[in-house]
Amino acid sequence: MLAESRRPLLLHETGLPVRYYLPPQDVRTDLLTASDTHTYCPFKGTASYWSLPGAPDLVWYYPDPKAEVAEIKDHLCFYEVETVTG
């Protein structure tokens, strides 16, 4: 298991699915490799990425997000992953 959290931050963006940002303590970051990829969002700022073998840039985070979304700082978000609730 790569991540398990009972305390995600939910981010609602227009036209996109709800994104779950997990605290880094709830993610096995030891299994991830830092990527050289960076992207820019006008609403959140510059994102950095982590990869798994065979899954490049699977995880992203904002080390210095814009003030409006400051709570997502360093929280990790995943591309289309299976979630389990309960």
C-alpha atoms as a PDB file:
ATOM      1  CA  MET A   1       0.000   0.000   0.000  1.00  0.00           C
ATOM      2  CA  LEU A   2       1.375   3.379  -0.990  1.00  0.00           C
ATOM      3  CA  ALA A   3      -0.952   5.618   1.015  1.00  0.00           C
ATOM      4  CA  GLU A   4      -3.685   5.465   3.603  1.00  0.00           C
ATOM      5  CA  SER A   5      -5.321   8.464   5.202  1.00  0.00           C
ATOM      6  CA  ARG A   6      -8.339   9.376   7.248  1.00  0.00           C
ATOM      7  CA  ARG A   7      -7.554  13.083   7.029  1.00  0.00           C
ATOM      8  CA  PRO A   8      -7.322  14.133   3.383  1.00  0.00           C
ATOM      9  CA  LEU A   9      -7.892  17.705   2.303  1.00  0.00           C
ATOM     10  CA  LEU A  10     -10.526  17.825  -0.437  1.00  0.00           C
ATOM     11  CA  LEU A  11     -10.004  20.365  -3.183  1.00  0.00           C
ATOM     12  CA  HIS A  12     -12.929  21.158  -5.504  1.00  0.00           C
ATOM     13  CA  GLU A  13     -11.922  22.601  -8.863  1.00  0.00           C
ATOM     14  CA  THR A  14     -14.248  23.674 -11.653  1.00  0.00           C
ATOM     15  CA  GLY A  15     -14.592  20.970 -14.293  1.00  0.00           C
ATOM     16  CA  LEU A  16     -12.297  18.509 -12.504  1.00  0.00           C
ATOM     17  CA  PRO A  17     -12.955  15.645 -10.110  1.00  0.00           C
ATOM     18  CA  VAL A  18     -12.516  16.333  -6.406  1.00  0.00           C
ATOM     19  CA  ARG A  19      -8.840  15.931  -5.561  1.00  0.00           C
ATOM     20  CA  TYR A  20      -7.680  14.363  -2.305  1.00  0.00           C
ATOM     21  CA  TYR A  21      -4.498  15.888  -0.884  1.00  0.00           C
ATOM     22  CA  LEU A  22      -2.935  13.600   1.719  1.00  0.00           C
ATOM     23  CA  PRO A  23      -0.578  14.613   4.520  1.00  0.00           C
ATOM     24  CA  PRO A  24       2.953  13.398   3.749  1.00  0.00           C
ATOM     25  CA  GLN A  25       2.930  11.331   6.959  1.00  0.00           C
ATOM     26  CA  ASP A  26       0.159   9.187   5.402  1.00  0.00           C
ATOM     27  CA  VAL A  27       2.151   8.351   2.255  1.00  0.00           C
ATOM     28  CA  ARG A  28       5.036   5.898   1.845  1.00  0.00           C
ATOM     29  CA  THR A  29       7.336   8.537   0.366  1.00  0.00           C
ATOM     30  CA  ASP A  30      10.222   6.067   0.744  1.00  0.00           C
ATOM     31  CA  LEU A  31       8.733   4.235  -2.262  1.00  0.00           C
ATOM     32  CA  LEU A  32       8.667   7.374  -4.409  1.00  0.00           C
ATOM     33  CA  THR A  33      11.393   9.002  -6.457  1.00  0.00           C
ATOM     34  CA  ALA A  34      11.528  12.757  -6.967  1.00  0.00           C
ATOM     35  CA  SER A  35      10.837  13.807 -10.553  1.00  0.00           C
ATOM     36  CA  ASP A  36      12.293  16.715 -12.519  1.00  0.00           C
ATOM     37  CA  THR A  37       8.767  17.615 -13.669  1.00  0.00           C
ATOM     38  CA  HIS A  38       7.172  20.890 -12.555  1.00  0.00           C
ATOM     39  CA  THR A  39       3.895  22.376 -13.723  1.00  0.00           C
ATOM     40  CA  TYR A  40       2.213  25.690 -13.029  1.00  0.00           C
ATOM     41  CA  CYS A  41      -1.406  26.278 -12.044  1.00  0.00           C
ATOM     42  CA  PRO A  42      -2.596  29.899 -11.930  1.00  0.00           C
ATOM     43  CA  PHE A  43      -4.748  29.078  -8.895  1.00  0.00           C
ATOM     44  CA  LYS A  44      -2.379  26.914  -6.845  1.00  0.00           C
ATOM     45  CA  GLY A  45       1.162  27.748  -7.985  1.00  0.00           C
ATOM     46  CA  THR A  46       4.022  25.482  -9.075  1.00  0.00           C
ATOM     47  CA  ALA A  47       3.693  21.743  -8.509  1.00  0.00           C
ATOM     48  CA  SER A  48       6.512  19.255  -8.068  1.00  0.00           C
ATOM     49  CA  TYR A  49       6.154  15.530  -8.793  1.00  0.00           C
ATOM     50  CA  TRP A  50       7.088  12.079  -7.483  1.00  0.00           C
ATOM     51  CA  SER A  51       7.210   8.841  -9.463  1.00  0.00           C
ATOM     52  CA  LEU A  52       6.970   5.106  -8.894  1.00  0.00           C
ATOM     53  CA  PRO A  53       8.769   2.608 -11.128  1.00  0.00           C
ATOM     54  CA  GLY A  54       6.543   2.321 -14.193  1.00  0.00           C
ATOM     55  CA  ALA A  55       4.363   5.252 -13.081  1.00  0.00           C
ATOM     56  CA  PRO A  56       6.147   8.530 -13.805  1.00  0.00           C
ATOM     57  CA  ASP A  57       4.787  11.690 -12.200  1.00  0.00           C
ATOM     58  CA  LEU A  58       2.056   9.774 -10.376  1.00  0.00           C
ATOM     59  CA  VAL A  59       2.026  12.113  -7.373  1.00  0.00           C
ATOM     60  CA  TRP A  60       2.185  15.882  -7.155  1.00  0.00           C
ATOM     61  CA  TYR A  61       2.418  18.435  -4.394  1.00  0.00           C
ATOM     62  CA  TYR A  62       2.796  22.178  -3.916  1.00  0.00           C
ATOM     63  CA  PRO A  63       5.828  23.079  -1.789  1.00  0.00           C
ATOM     64  CA  ASP A  64       4.898  26.775  -1.902  1.00  0.00           C
ATOM     65  CA  PRO A  65       1.215  27.128  -2.881  1.00  0.00           C
ATOM     66  CA  LYS A  66      -0.608  30.392  -3.349  1.00  0.00           C
ATOM     67  CA  ALA A  67      -2.105  31.914  -0.207  1.00  0.00           C
ATOM     68  CA  GLU A  68      -5.671  30.966  -1.207  1.00  0.00           C
ATOM     69  CA  VAL A  69      -4.810  27.252  -0.979  1.00  0.00           C
ATOM     70  CA  ALA A  70      -2.042  27.386   1.628  1.00  0.00           C
ATOM     71  CA  GLU A  71      -3.486  24.383   3.492  1.00  0.00           C
ATOM     72  CA  ILE A  72      -2.399  22.003   0.692  1.00  0.00           C
ATOM     73  CA  LYS A  73       1.289  22.848   1.246  1.00  0.00           C
ATOM     74  CA  ASP A  74       3.371  19.645   0.959  1.00  0.00           C
ATOM     75  CA  HIS A  75       0.240  17.441   0.843  1.00  0.00           C
ATOM     76  CA  LEU A  76       0.375  14.781  -1.856  1.00  0.00           C
ATOM     77  CA  CYS A  77      -2.216  14.187  -4.550  1.00  0.00           C
ATOM     78  CA  PHE A  78      -2.451  11.164  -6.857  1.00  0.00           C
ATOM     79  CA  TYR A  79      -3.615  10.659 -10.420  1.00  0.00           C
ATOM     80  CA  GLU A  80      -6.660   8.398 -10.614  1.00  0.00           C
ATOM     81  CA  VAL A  81      -6.043   5.951  -7.835  1.00  0.00           C
ATOM     82  CA  GLU A  82      -8.287   3.475  -6.106  1.00  0.00           C
ATOM     83  CA  THR A  83      -9.720   4.829  -2.892  1.00  0.00           C
ATOM     84  CA  VAL A  84     -11.232   2.813  -0.098  1.00  0.00           C
ATOM     85  CA  THR A  85     -13.548   4.374   2.429  1.00  0.00           C
ATOM     86  CA  GLY A  86     -15.047   2.931   5.509  1.00  0.00           C
END
